[in-house]
Amino acid sequence: VQLQAFGGGLVQPGGYLTLSCAASGGTATLNAVGWYRQAPGRQRELVAAISRLGSTKYADFVQGRFAISRDNARKTVYLRLGSLKPEDTAVYYCNIGQFTGTFYPSSSWGQGTLVTVSS
């Protein structure tokens, strides 16, 4: 299964953006998916994860600003980013994985999408 992230762009502080993660090929069922981000000079970090049945997990820095959701029929997972801050600027990636309270991503990373928060 290949996952690809879409929807990044330039947004002003306080604005919002919705990212999409679409699956192509492979399984008929999309399992757990996690959204990650990597800012320049920093390590990749988990932003949010969602299980196949809809259980969710968020990083502490999200603080209620982001929402992860999924459409199993479309094999697509969304990440709505709100109240964006300049420090949210990063390349955002999605990945399949195992979710048992903690999310464990697969070793294969697709192309991310750049989110830039700036006035």
PDB file of N, CA and C in Angstrom:
ATOM      1  N   VAL A   1       0.844  -1.193   0.000  1.00  0.00           N
ATOM      2  CA  VAL A   1       0.000   0.000   0.000  1.00  0.00           C
ATOM      3  C   VAL A   1       0.879   1.241   0.000  1.00  0.00           C
ATOM      4  N   GLN A   2       0.557   2.149  -0.876  1.00  0.00           N
ATOM      5  CA  GLN A   2       1.274   3.413  -0.945  1.00  0.00           C
ATOM      6  C   GLN A   2       0.372   4.521  -0.397  1.00  0.00           C
ATOM      7  N   LEU A   3       0.927   5.329   0.480  1.00  0.00           N
ATOM      8  CA  LEU A   3       0.197   6.480   0.996  1.00  0.00           C
ATOM      9  C   LEU A   3       0.862   7.756   0.508  1.00  0.00           C
ATOM     10  N   GLN A   4       0.055   8.721   0.128  1.00  0.00           N
ATOM     11  CA  GLN A   4       0.600   9.993  -0.312  1.00  0.00           C
ATOM     12  C   GLN A   4      -0.174  11.120   0.344  1.00  0.00           C
ATOM     13  N   ALA A   5       0.567  12.110   0.831  1.00  0.00           N
ATOM     14  CA  ALA A   5      -0.026  13.259   1.505  1.00  0.00           C
ATOM     15  C   ALA A   5      -0.250  14.389   0.512  1.00  0.00           C
ATOM     16  N   PHE A   6      -1.387  15.080   0.682  1.00  0.00           N
ATOM     17  CA  PHE A   6      -1.746  16.212  -0.182  1.00  0.00           C
ATOM     18  C   PHE A   6      -2.253  17.357   0.680  1.00  0.00           C
ATOM     19  N   GLY A   7      -2.283  18.546   0.075  1.00  0.00           N
ATOM     20  CA  GLY A   7      -3.020  19.641   0.683  1.00  0.00           C
ATOM     21  C   GLY A   7      -2.213  20.707   1.395  1.00  0.00           C
ATOM     22  N   GLY A   8      -0.906  20.583   1.404  1.00  0.00           N
ATOM     23  CA  GLY A   8      -0.102  21.595   2.060  1.00  0.00           C
ATOM     24  C   GLY A   8      -0.136  22.925   1.325  1.00  0.00           C
ATOM     25  N   GLY A   9       0.423  23.941   1.952  1.00  0.00           N
ATOM     26  CA  GLY A   9       0.465  25.254   1.339  1.00  0.00           C
ATOM     27  C   GLY A   9       0.882  26.316   2.323  1.00  0.00           C
ATOM     28  N   LEU A  10       0.737  27.543   1.905  1.00  0.00           N
ATOM     29  CA  LEU A  10       1.070  28.697   2.743  1.00  0.00           C
ATOM     30  C   LEU A  10      -0.194  29.196   3.427  1.00  0.00           C
ATOM     31  N   VAL A  11      -0.135  29.373   4.723  1.00  0.00           N
ATOM     32  CA  VAL A  11      -1.301  29.850   5.476  1.00  0.00           C
ATOM     33  C   VAL A  11      -0.827  30.841   6.527  1.00  0.00           C
ATOM     34  N   GLN A  12      -1.674  31.804   6.835  1.00  0.00           N
ATOM     35  CA  GLN A  12      -1.317  32.806   7.833  1.00  0.00           C
ATOM     36  C   GLN A  12      -1.478  32.257   9.241  1.00  0.00           C
ATOM     37  N   PRO A  13      -0.742  32.805  10.187  1.00  0.00           N
ATOM     38  CA  PRO A  13      -0.939  32.398  11.587  1.00  0.00           C
ATOM     39  C   PRO A  13      -2.402  32.544  11.999  1.00  0.00           C
ATOM     40  N   GLY A  14      -2.877  31.545  12.725  1.00  0.00           N
ATOM     41  CA  GLY A  14      -4.279  31.534  13.125  1.00  0.00           C
ATOM     42  C   GLY A  14      -5.191  30.893  12.112  1.00  0.00           C
ATOM     43  N   GLY A  15      -4.672  30.592  10.923  1.00  0.00           N
ATOM     44  CA  GLY A  15      -5.479  30.013   9.860  1.00  0.00           C
ATOM     45  C   GLY A  15      -5.636  28.509   9.997  1.00  0.00           C
ATOM     46  N   TYR A  16      -6.261  27.924   8.958  1.00  0.00           N
ATOM     47  CA  TYR A  16      -6.496  26.493   8.998  1.00  0.00           C
ATOM     48  C   TYR A  16      -6.203  25.894   7.634  1.00  0.00           C
ATOM     49  N   LEU A  17      -6.034  24.576   7.620  1.00  0.00           N
ATOM     50  CA  LEU A  17      -5.701  23.836   6.409  1.00  0.00           C
ATOM     51  C   LEU A  17      -6.113  22.392   6.643  1.00  0.00           C
ATOM     52  N   THR A  18      -6.586  21.721   5.623  1.00  0.00           N
ATOM     53  CA  THR A  18      -6.901  20.305   5.734  1.00  0.00           C
ATOM     54  C   THR A  18      -6.001  19.504   4.812  1.00  0.00           C
ATOM     55  N   LEU A  19      -5.279  18.564   5.398  1.00  0.00           N
ATOM     56  CA  LEU A  19      -4.418  17.677   4.646  1.00  0.00           C
ATOM     57  C   LEU A  19      -5.139  16.360   4.388  1.00  0.00           C
ATOM     58  N   SER A  20      -4.818  15.738   3.267  1.00  0.00           N
ATOM     59  CA  SER A  20      -5.394  14.445   2.923  1.00  0.00           C
ATOM     60  C   SER A  20      -4.290  13.428   2.744  1.00  0.00           C
ATOM     61  N   CYS A  21      -4.594  12.203   3.100  1.00  0.00           N
ATOM     62  CA  CYS A  21      -3.662  11.099   2.930  1.00  0.00           C
ATOM     63  C   CYS A  21      -4.420  10.008   2.205  1.00  0.00           C
ATOM     64  N   ALA A  22      -4.038   9.753   0.966  1.00  0.00           N
ATOM     65  CA  ALA A  22      -4.776   8.807   0.143  1.00  0.00           C
ATOM     66  C   ALA A  22      -3.943   7.563  -0.103  1.00  0.00           C
ATOM     67  N   ALA A  23      -4.621   6.429  -0.087  1.00  0.00           N
ATOM     68  CA  ALA A  23      -3.972   5.155  -0.336  1.00  0.00           C
ATOM     69  C   ALA A  23      -4.245   4.709  -1.761  1.00  0.00           C
ATOM     70  N   SER A  24      -3.261   4.093  -2.352  1.00  0.00           N
ATOM     71  CA  SER A  24      -3.442   3.545  -3.692  1.00  0.00           C
ATOM     72  C   SER A  24      -2.901   2.130  -3.729  1.00  0.00           C
ATOM     73  N   GLY A  25      -3.594   1.261  -4.428  1.00  0.00           N
ATOM     74  CA  GLY A  25      -3.139  -0.105  -4.573  1.00  0.00           C
ATOM     75  C   GLY A  25      -3.291  -0.894  -3.298  1.00  0.00           C
ATOM     76  N   GLY A  26      -2.782  -2.120  -3.287  1.00  0.00           N
ATOM     77  CA  GLY A  26      -2.691  -2.899  -2.068  1.00  0.00           C
ATOM     78  C   GLY A  26      -4.018  -3.351  -1.511  1.00  0.00           C
ATOM     79  N   THR A  27      -4.183  -3.188  -0.219  1.00  0.00           N
ATOM     80  CA  THR A  27      -5.293  -3.755   0.503  1.00  0.00           C
ATOM     81  C   THR A  27      -6.607  -3.040   0.260  1.00  0.00           C
ATOM     82  N   ALA A  28      -7.707  -3.765   0.440  1.00  0.00           N
ATOM     83  CA  ALA A  28      -9.020  -3.159   0.337  1.00  0.00           C
ATOM     84  C   ALA A  28      -9.369  -2.405   1.600  1.00  0.00           C
ATOM     85  N   THR A  29      -8.656  -2.681   2.682  1.00  0.00           N
ATOM     86  CA  THR A  29      -8.908  -2.026   3.968  1.00  0.00           C
ATOM     87  C   THR A  29      -7.680  -1.240   4.379  1.00  0.00           C
ATOM     88  N   LEU A  30      -7.882   0.032   4.704  1.00  0.00           N
ATOM     89  CA  LEU A  30      -6.785   0.857   5.185  1.00  0.00           C
ATOM     90  C   LEU A  30      -6.715   0.702   6.694  1.00  0.00           C
ATOM     91  N   ASN A  31      -5.605   0.246   7.198  1.00  0.00           N
ATOM     92  CA  ASN A  31      -5.460   0.042   8.641  1.00  0.00           C
ATOM     93  C   ASN A  31      -5.130   1.348   9.358  1.00  0.00           C
ATOM     94  N   ALA A  32      -4.466   1.274  10.473  1.00  0.00           N
ATOM     95  CA  ALA A  32      -4.144   2.470  11.248  1.00  0.00           C
ATOM     96  C   ALA A  32      -3.216   3.382  10.451  1.00  0.00           C
ATOM     97  N   VAL A  33      -3.434   4.675  10.588  1.00  0.00           N
ATOM     98  CA  VAL A  33      -2.632   5.673   9.879  1.00  0.00           C
ATOM     99  C   VAL A  33      -2.184   6.748  10.852  1.00  0.00           C
ATOM    100  N   GLY A  34      -0.963   7.173  10.695  1.00  0.00           N
ATOM    101  CA  GLY A  34      -0.441   8.257  11.517  1.00  0.00           C
ATOM    102  C   GLY A  34       0.018   9.409  10.652  1.00  0.00           C
ATOM    103  N   TRP A  35      -0.179  10.619  11.160  1.00  0.00           N
ATOM    104  CA  TRP A  35       0.381  11.809  10.525  1.00  0.00           C
ATOM    105  C   TRP A  35       1.617  12.233  11.326  1.00  0.00           C
ATOM    106  N   TYR A  36       2.685  12.507  10.622  1.00  0.00           N
ATOM    107  CA  TYR A  36       3.927  12.965  11.216  1.00  0.00           C
ATOM    108  C   TYR A  36       4.307  14.301  10.591  1.00  0.00           C
ATOM    109  N   ARG A  37       5.241  14.974  11.229  1.00  0.00           N
ATOM    110  CA  ARG A  37       5.784  16.178  10.618  1.00  0.00           C
ATOM    111  C   ARG A  37       7.271  16.276  10.922  1.00  0.00           C
ATOM    112  N   GLN A  38       7.973  16.960  10.038  1.00  0.00           N
ATOM    113  CA  GLN A  38       9.406  17.187  10.240  1.00  0.00           C
ATOM    114  C   GLN A  38       9.731  18.612   9.840  1.00  0.00           C
ATOM    115  N   ALA A  39      10.146  19.386  10.830  1.00  0.00           N
ATOM    116  CA  ALA A  39      10.559  20.765  10.600  1.00  0.00           C
ATOM    117  C   ALA A  39      12.048  20.781  10.281  1.00  0.00           C
ATOM    118  N   PRO A  40      12.531  21.806   9.614  1.00  0.00           N
ATOM    119  CA  PRO A  40      13.959  21.886   9.280  1.00  0.00           C
ATOM    120  C   PRO A  40      14.823  21.764  10.526  1.00  0.00           C
ATOM    121  N   GLY A  41      15.799  20.869  10.459  1.00  0.00           N
ATOM    122  CA  GLY A  41      16.721  20.700  11.561  1.00  0.00           C
ATOM    123  C   GLY A  41      16.180  19.924  12.739  1.00  0.00           C
ATOM    124  N   ARG A  42      14.986  19.372  12.601  1.00  0.00           N
ATOM    125  CA  ARG A  42      14.382  18.644  13.717  1.00  0.00           C
ATOM    126  C   ARG A  42      14.030  17.222  13.288  1.00  0.00           C
ATOM    127  N   GLN A  43      13.834  16.371  14.254  1.00  0.00           N
ATOM    128  CA  GLN A  43      13.444  14.995  13.972  1.00  0.00           C
ATOM    129  C   GLN A  43      11.967  14.920  13.611  1.00  0.00           C
ATOM    130  N   ARG A  44      11.642  13.891  12.867  1.00  0.00           N
ATOM    131  CA  ARG A  44      10.241  13.648  12.532  1.00  0.00           C
ATOM    132  C   ARG A  44       9.489  13.293  13.808  1.00  0.00           C
ATOM    133  N   GLU A  45       8.281  13.839  13.969  1.00  0.00           N
ATOM    134  CA  GLU A  45       7.516  13.581  15.176  1.00  0.00           C
ATOM    135  C   GLU A  45       6.066  13.261  14.827  1.00  0.00           C
ATOM    136  N   LEU A  46       5.463  12.443  15.665  1.00  0.00           N
ATOM    137  CA  LEU A  46       4.066  12.075  15.475  1.00  0.00           C
ATOM    138  C   LEU A  46       3.173  13.268  15.798  1.00  0.00           C
ATOM    139  N   VAL A  47       2.198  13.512  14.930  1.00  0.00           N
ATOM    140  CA  VAL A  47       1.213  14.557  15.170  1.00  0.00           C
ATOM    141  C   VAL A  47      -0.085  13.934  15.681  1.00  0.00           C
ATOM    142  N   ALA A  48      -0.572  12.927  14.965  1.00  0.00           N
ATOM    143  CA  ALA A  48      -1.830  12.281  15.333  1.00  0.00           C
ATOM    144  C   ALA A  48      -1.903  10.924  14.658  1.00  0.00           C
ATOM    145  N   ALA A  49      -2.692  10.033  15.234  1.00  0.00           N
ATOM    146  CA  ALA A  49      -2.890   8.710  14.655  1.00  0.00           C
ATOM    147  C   ALA A  49      -4.342   8.312  14.824  1.00  0.00           C
ATOM    148  N   ILE A  50      -4.796   7.452  13.919  1.00  0.00           N
ATOM    149  CA  ILE A  50      -6.168   6.979  13.986  1.00  0.00           C
ATOM    150  C   ILE A  50      -6.194   5.498  13.635  1.00  0.00           C
ATOM    151  N   SER A  51      -6.932   4.730  14.414  1.00  0.00           N
ATOM    152  CA  SER A  51      -7.049   3.309  14.148  1.00  0.00           C
ATOM    153  C   SER A  51      -8.069   3.066  13.038  1.00  0.00           C
ATOM    154  N   ARG A  52      -8.152   1.837  12.601  1.00  0.00           N
ATOM    155  CA  ARG A  52      -9.103   1.502  11.542  1.00  0.00           C
ATOM    156  C   ARG A  52     -10.538   1.772  12.008  1.00  0.00           C
ATOM    157  N   LEU A  53     -10.791   1.606  13.285  1.00  0.00           N
ATOM    158  CA  LEU A  53     -12.134   1.810  13.817  1.00  0.00           C
ATOM    159  C   LEU A  53     -12.362   3.225  14.345  1.00  0.00           C
ATOM    160  N   GLY A  54     -11.346   4.085  14.243  1.00  0.00           N
ATOM    161  CA  GLY A  54     -11.566   5.483  14.585  1.00  0.00           C
ATOM    162  C   GLY A  54     -11.025   5.960  15.914  1.00  0.00           C
ATOM    163  N   SER A  55     -10.335   5.119  16.659  1.00  0.00           N
ATOM    164  CA  SER A  55      -9.684   5.599  17.884  1.00  0.00           C
ATOM    165  C   SER A  55      -8.552   6.535  17.496  1.00  0.00           C
ATOM    166  N   THR A  56      -8.380   7.595  18.290  1.00  0.00           N
ATOM    167  CA  THR A  56      -7.387   8.610  17.915  1.00  0.00           C
ATOM    168  C   THR A  56      -6.390   8.869  19.036  1.00  0.00           C
ATOM    169  N   LYS A  57      -5.268   9.427  18.627  1.00  0.00           N
ATOM    170  CA  LYS A  57      -4.205   9.817  19.569  1.00  0.00           C
ATOM    171  C   LYS A  57      -3.569  11.072  19.006  1.00  0.00           C
ATOM    172  N   TYR A  58      -3.271  12.045  19.885  1.00  0.00           N
ATOM    173  CA  TYR A  58      -2.652  13.296  19.469  1.00  0.00           C
ATOM    174  C   TYR A  58      -1.406  13.575  20.277  1.00  0.00           C
ATOM    175  N   ALA A  59      -0.465  14.253  19.647  1.00  0.00           N
ATOM    176  CA  ALA A  59       0.713  14.717  20.372  1.00  0.00           C
ATOM    177  C   ALA A  59       0.306  15.838  21.318  1.00  0.00           C
ATOM    178  N   ASP A  60       1.061  16.008  22.380  1.00  0.00           N
ATOM    179  CA  ASP A  60       0.733  17.028  23.376  1.00  0.00           C
ATOM    180  C   ASP A  60       0.694  18.431  22.771  1.00  0.00           C
ATOM    181  N   PHE A  61       1.534  18.684  21.787  1.00  0.00           N
ATOM    182  CA  PHE A  61       1.615  20.045  21.242  1.00  0.00           C
ATOM    183  C   PHE A  61       0.377  20.411  20.406  1.00  0.00           C
ATOM    184  N   VAL A  62      -0.436  19.434  20.079  1.00  0.00           N
ATOM    185  CA  VAL A  62      -1.635  19.721  19.291  1.00  0.00           C
ATOM    186  C   VAL A  62      -2.612  20.588  20.096  1.00  0.00           C
ATOM    187  N   GLN A  63      -2.795  20.268  21.349  1.00  0.00           N
ATOM    188  CA  GLN A  63      -3.610  21.088  22.268  1.00  0.00           C
ATOM    189  C   GLN A  63      -4.986  21.411  21.694  1.00  0.00           C
ATOM    190  N   GLY A  64      -5.623  20.429  21.066  1.00  0.00           N
ATOM    191  CA  GLY A  64      -6.983  20.604  20.563  1.00  0.00           C
ATOM    192  C   GLY A  64      -7.087  21.366  19.263  1.00  0.00           C
ATOM    193  N   ARG A  65      -5.982  21.717  18.643  1.00  0.00           N
ATOM    194  CA  ARG A  65      -6.025  22.533  17.430  1.00  0.00           C
ATOM    195  C   ARG A  65      -6.221  21.712  16.156  1.00  0.00           C
ATOM    196  N   PHE A  66      -5.860  20.456  16.175  1.00  0.00           N
ATOM    197  CA  PHE A  66      -5.915  19.603  14.986  1.00  0.00           C
ATOM    198  C   PHE A  66      -6.935  18.487  15.195  1.00  0.00           C
ATOM    199  N   ALA A  67      -7.438  17.951  14.072  1.00  0.00           N
ATOM    200  CA  ALA A  67      -8.373  16.838  14.153  1.00  0.00           C
ATOM    201  C   ALA A  67      -8.073  15.837  13.046  1.00  0.00           C
ATOM    202  N   ILE A  68      -7.930  14.580  13.426  1.00  0.00           N
ATOM    203  CA  ILE A  68      -7.694  13.513  12.456  1.00  0.00           C
ATOM    204  C   ILE A  68      -9.003  12.759  12.245  1.00  0.00           C
ATOM    205  N   SER A  69      -9.265  12.384  10.999  1.00  0.00           N
ATOM    206  CA  SER A  69     -10.477  11.630  10.689  1.00  0.00           C
ATOM    207  C   SER A  69     -10.198  10.748   9.478  1.00  0.00           C
ATOM    208  N   ARG A  70     -11.141   9.866   9.180  1.00  0.00           N
ATOM    209  CA  ARG A  70     -10.906   8.952   8.064  1.00  0.00           C
ATOM    210  C   ARG A  70     -12.200   8.633   7.336  1.00  0.00           C
ATOM    211  N   ASP A  71     -12.047   8.301   6.063  1.00  0.00           N
ATOM    212  CA  ASP A  71     -13.155   7.827   5.225  1.00  0.00           C
ATOM    213  C   ASP A  71     -12.703   6.484   4.682  1.00  0.00           C
ATOM    214  N   ASN A  72     -13.166   5.415   5.291  1.00  0.00           N
ATOM    215  CA  ASN A  72     -12.692   4.083   4.909  1.00  0.00           C
ATOM    216  C   ASN A  72     -13.111   3.719   3.484  1.00  0.00           C
ATOM    217  N   ALA A  73     -14.254   4.185   3.042  1.00  0.00           N
ATOM    218  CA  ALA A  73     -14.705   3.870   1.688  1.00  0.00           C
ATOM    219  C   ALA A  73     -13.756   4.468   0.644  1.00  0.00           C
ATOM    220  N   ARG A  74     -13.227   5.636   0.951  1.00  0.00           N
ATOM    221  CA  ARG A  74     -12.289   6.293   0.028  1.00  0.00           C
ATOM    222  C   ARG A  74     -10.838   5.976   0.348  1.00  0.00           C
ATOM    223  N   LYS A  75     -10.610   5.181   1.402  1.00  0.00           N
ATOM    224  CA  LYS A  75      -9.237   4.871   1.839  1.00  0.00           C
ATOM    225  C   LYS A  75      -8.430   6.159   1.995  1.00  0.00           C
ATOM    226  N   THR A  76      -9.032   7.111   2.679  1.00  0.00           N
ATOM    227  CA  THR A  76      -8.404   8.414   2.860  1.00  0.00           C
ATOM    228  C   THR A  76      -8.471   8.823   4.325  1.00  0.00           C
ATOM    229  N   VAL A  77      -7.392   9.396   4.802  1.00  0.00           N
ATOM    230  CA  VAL A  77      -7.341   9.931   6.151  1.00  0.00           C
ATOM    231  C   VAL A  77      -7.054  11.428   6.049  1.00  0.00           C
ATOM    232  N   TYR A  78      -7.722  12.212   6.893  1.00  0.00           N
ATOM    233  CA  TYR A  78      -7.589  13.657   6.853  1.00  0.00           C
ATOM    234  C   TYR A  78      -6.953  14.169   8.141  1.00  0.00           C
ATOM    235  N   LEU A  79      -6.282  15.293   8.029  1.00  0.00           N
ATOM    236  CA  LEU A  79      -5.774  15.993   9.198  1.00  0.00           C
ATOM    237  C   LEU A  79      -6.136  17.459   9.033  1.00  0.00           C
ATOM    238  N   ARG A  80      -7.065  17.907   9.878  1.00  0.00           N
ATOM    239  CA  ARG A  80      -7.451  19.305   9.828  1.00  0.00           C
ATOM    240  C   ARG A  80      -6.585  20.068  10.810  1.00  0.00           C
ATOM    241  N   LEU A  81      -5.885  21.045  10.291  1.00  0.00           N
ATOM    242  CA  LEU A  81      -4.991  21.869  11.101  1.00  0.00           C
ATOM    243  C   LEU A  81      -5.681  23.202  11.364  1.00  0.00           C
ATOM    244  N   GLY A  82      -5.764  23.603  12.619  1.00  0.00           N
ATOM    245  CA  GLY A  82      -6.392  24.873  12.958  1.00  0.00           C
ATOM    246  C   GLY A  82      -5.536  25.674  13.923  1.00  0.00           C
ATOM    247  N   SER A  83      -5.867  26.965  14.054  1.00  0.00           N
ATOM    248  CA  SER A  83      -5.114  27.870  14.937  1.00  0.00           C
ATOM    249  C   SER A  83      -3.616  27.699  14.708  1.00  0.00           C
ATOM    250  N   LEU A  84      -3.235  27.715  13.451  1.00  0.00           N
ATOM    251  CA  LEU A  84      -1.853  27.411  13.083  1.00  0.00           C
ATOM    252  C   LEU A  84      -0.890  28.473  13.590  1.00  0.00           C
ATOM    253  N   LYS A  85       0.284  27.994  13.964  1.00  0.00           N
ATOM    254  CA  LYS A  85       1.359  28.840  14.475  1.00  0.00           C
ATOM    255  C   LYS A  85       2.566  28.687  13.561  1.00  0.00           C
ATOM    256  N   PRO A  86       3.439  29.677  13.539  1.00  0.00           N
ATOM    257  CA  PRO A  86       4.657  29.536  12.716  1.00  0.00           C
ATOM    258  C   PRO A  86       5.448  28.273  13.037  1.00  0.00           C
ATOM    259  N   GLU A  87       5.429  27.849  14.289  1.00  0.00           N
ATOM    260  CA  GLU A  87       6.167  26.629  14.652  1.00  0.00           C
ATOM    261  C   GLU A  87       5.521  25.350  14.137  1.00  0.00           C
ATOM    262  N   ASP A  88       4.349  25.455  13.524  1.00  0.00           N
ATOM    263  CA  ASP A  88       3.736  24.299  12.867  1.00  0.00           C
ATOM    264  C   ASP A  88       4.288  24.099  11.459  1.00  0.00           C
ATOM    265  N   THR A  89       5.116  25.018  11.000  1.00  0.00           N
ATOM    266  CA  THR A  89       5.726  24.889   9.682  1.00  0.00           C
ATOM    267  C   THR A  89       6.579  23.634   9.619  1.00  0.00           C
ATOM    268  N   ALA A  90       6.304  22.783   8.642  1.00  0.00           N
ATOM    269  CA  ALA A  90       7.001  21.502   8.532  1.00  0.00           C
ATOM    270  C   ALA A  90       6.511  20.778   7.281  1.00  0.00           C
ATOM    271  N   VAL A  91       7.215  19.727   6.927  1.00  0.00           N
ATOM    272  CA  VAL A  91       6.706  18.779   5.935  1.00  0.00           C
ATOM    273  C   VAL A  91       5.894  17.738   6.700  1.00  0.00           C
ATOM    274  N   TYR A  92       4.677  17.548   6.269  1.00  0.00           N
ATOM    275  CA  TYR A  92       3.772  16.609   6.926  1.00  0.00           C
ATOM    276  C   TYR A  92       3.696  15.322   6.094  1.00  0.00           C
ATOM    277  N   TYR A  93       3.824  14.202   6.787  1.00  0.00           N
ATOM    278  CA  TYR A  93       3.800  12.881   6.159  1.00  0.00           C
ATOM    279  C   TYR A  93       2.689  12.036   6.769  1.00  0.00           C
ATOM    280  N   CYS A  94       2.224  11.061   6.008  1.00  0.00           N
ATOM    281  CA  CYS A  94       1.334  10.064   6.577  1.00  0.00           C
ATOM    282  C   CYS A  94       1.936   8.689   6.334  1.00  0.00           C
ATOM    283  N   ASN A  95       1.581   7.764   7.204  1.00  0.00           N
ATOM    284  CA  ASN A  95       2.144   6.425   7.119  1.00  0.00           C
ATOM    285  C   ASN A  95       1.157   5.441   7.725  1.00  0.00           C
ATOM    286  N   ILE A  96       1.140   4.235   7.188  1.00  0.00           N
ATOM    287  CA  ILE A  96       0.360   3.178   7.814  1.00  0.00           C
ATOM    288  C   ILE A  96       1.166   2.609   8.967  1.00  0.00           C
ATOM    289  N   GLY A  97       0.512   1.885   9.845  1.00  0.00           N
ATOM    290  CA  GLY A  97       1.242   1.300  10.946  1.00  0.00           C
ATOM    291  C   GLY A  97       0.344   0.506  11.868  1.00  0.00           C
ATOM    292  N   GLN A  98       0.871   0.206  13.038  1.00  0.00           N
ATOM    293  CA  GLN A  98       0.160  -0.522  14.080  1.00  0.00           C
ATOM    294  C   GLN A  98      -0.196   0.451  15.197  1.00  0.00           C
ATOM    295  N   PHE A  99      -1.412   0.374  15.659  1.00  0.00           N
ATOM    296  CA  PHE A  99      -1.873   1.308  16.681  1.00  0.00           C
ATOM    297  C   PHE A  99      -2.485   0.501  17.824  1.00  0.00           C
ATOM    298  N   THR A 100      -1.734   0.423  18.926  1.00  0.00           N
ATOM    299  CA  THR A 100      -2.220  -0.255  20.128  1.00  0.00           C
ATOM    300  C   THR A 100      -1.991   0.662  21.309  1.00  0.00           C
ATOM    301  N   GLY A 101      -2.565   1.871  21.215  1.00  0.00           N
ATOM    302  CA  GLY A 101      -2.283   2.865  22.241  1.00  0.00           C
ATOM    303  C   GLY A 101      -1.106   3.724  21.823  1.00  0.00           C
ATOM    304  N   THR A 102      -0.075   3.090  21.395  1.00  0.00           N
ATOM    305  CA  THR A 102       1.081   3.742  20.767  1.00  0.00           C
ATOM    306  C   THR A 102       1.057   3.421  19.278  1.00  0.00           C
ATOM    307  N   PHE A 103       1.462   4.388  18.451  1.00  0.00           N
ATOM    308  CA  PHE A 103       1.460   4.162  17.014  1.00  0.00           C
ATOM    309  C   PHE A 103       2.868   3.810  16.555  1.00  0.00           C
ATOM    310  N   TYR A 104       2.968   2.699  15.817  1.00  0.00           N
ATOM    311  CA  TYR A 104       4.245   2.236  15.279  1.00  0.00           C
ATOM    312  C   TYR A 104       4.164   2.300  13.755  1.00  0.00           C
ATOM    313  N   PRO A 105       4.880   3.237  13.117  1.00  0.00           N
ATOM    314  CA  PRO A 105       4.778   3.381  11.676  1.00  0.00           C
ATOM    315  C   PRO A 105       5.533   2.302  10.923  1.00  0.00           C
ATOM    316  N   SER A 106       5.148   2.110   9.674  1.00  0.00           N
ATOM    317  CA  SER A 106       5.925   1.216   8.818  1.00  0.00           C
ATOM    318  C   SER A 106       7.239   1.899   8.466  1.00  0.00           C
ATOM    319  N   SER A 107       8.129   1.148   7.861  1.00  0.00           N
ATOM    320  CA  SER A 107       9.454   1.693   7.550  1.00  0.00           C
ATOM    321  C   SER A 107       9.478   2.436   6.217  1.00  0.00           C
ATOM    322  N   SER A 108       8.378   2.384   5.474  1.00  0.00           N
ATOM    323  CA  SER A 108       8.332   2.998   4.155  1.00  0.00           C
ATOM    324  C   SER A 108       7.599   4.327   4.219  1.00  0.00           C
ATOM    325  N   TRP A 109       8.300   5.406   3.867  1.00  0.00           N
ATOM    326  CA  TRP A 109       7.716   6.744   3.928  1.00  0.00           C
ATOM    327  C   TRP A 109       7.493   7.290   2.527  1.00  0.00           C
ATOM    328  N   GLY A 110       6.327   7.781   2.291  1.00  0.00           N
ATOM    329  CA  GLY A 110       6.021   8.393   1.012  1.00  0.00           C
ATOM    330  C   GLY A 110       6.392   9.868   1.018  1.00  0.00           C
ATOM    331  N   GLN A 111       6.005  10.540  -0.041  1.00  0.00           N
ATOM    332  CA  GLN A 111       6.292  11.959  -0.165  1.00  0.00           C
ATOM    333  C   GLN A 111       5.382  12.756   0.757  1.00  0.00           C
ATOM    334  N   GLY A 112       5.935  13.717   1.445  1.00  0.00           N
ATOM    335  CA  GLY A 112       5.154  14.554   2.340  1.00  0.00           C
ATOM    336  C   GLY A 112       4.615  15.789   1.634  1.00  0.00           C
ATOM    337  N   THR A 113       3.929  16.615   2.391  1.00  0.00           N
ATOM    338  CA  THR A 113       3.398  17.861   1.863  1.00  0.00           C
ATOM    339  C   THR A 113       3.800  19.001   2.792  1.00  0.00           C
ATOM    340  N   LEU A 114       4.280  20.087   2.200  1.00  0.00           N
ATOM    341  CA  LEU A 114       4.837  21.182   2.994  1.00  0.00           C
ATOM    342  C   LEU A 114       3.741  22.132   3.457  1.00  0.00           C
ATOM    343  N   VAL A 115       3.747  22.404   4.745  1.00  0.00           N
ATOM    344  CA  VAL A 115       2.863  23.413   5.333  1.00  0.00           C
ATOM    345  C   VAL A 115       3.738  24.545   5.854  1.00  0.00           C
ATOM    346  N   THR A 116       3.470  25.745   5.374  1.00  0.00           N
ATOM    347  CA  THR A 116       4.222  26.916   5.804  1.00  0.00           C
ATOM    348  C   THR A 116       3.256  27.897   6.448  1.00  0.00           C
ATOM    349  N   VAL A 117       3.542  28.247   7.695  1.00  0.00           N
ATOM    350  CA  VAL A 117       2.696  29.192   8.427  1.00  0.00           C
ATOM    351  C   VAL A 117       3.473  30.482   8.570  1.00  0.00           C
ATOM    352  N   SER A 118       3.007  31.498   7.868  1.00  0.00           N
ATOM    353  CA  SER A 118       3.738  32.762   7.843  1.00  0.00           C
ATOM    354  C   SER A 118       2.809  33.882   7.400  1.00  0.00           C
ATOM    355  N   SER A 119       3.068  35.060   7.926  1.00  0.00           N
ATOM    356  CA  SER A 119       2.303  36.229   7.505  1.00  0.00           C
ATOM    357  C   SER A 119       3.021  36.947   6.364  1.00  0.00           C
TER     358      SER A 119
END
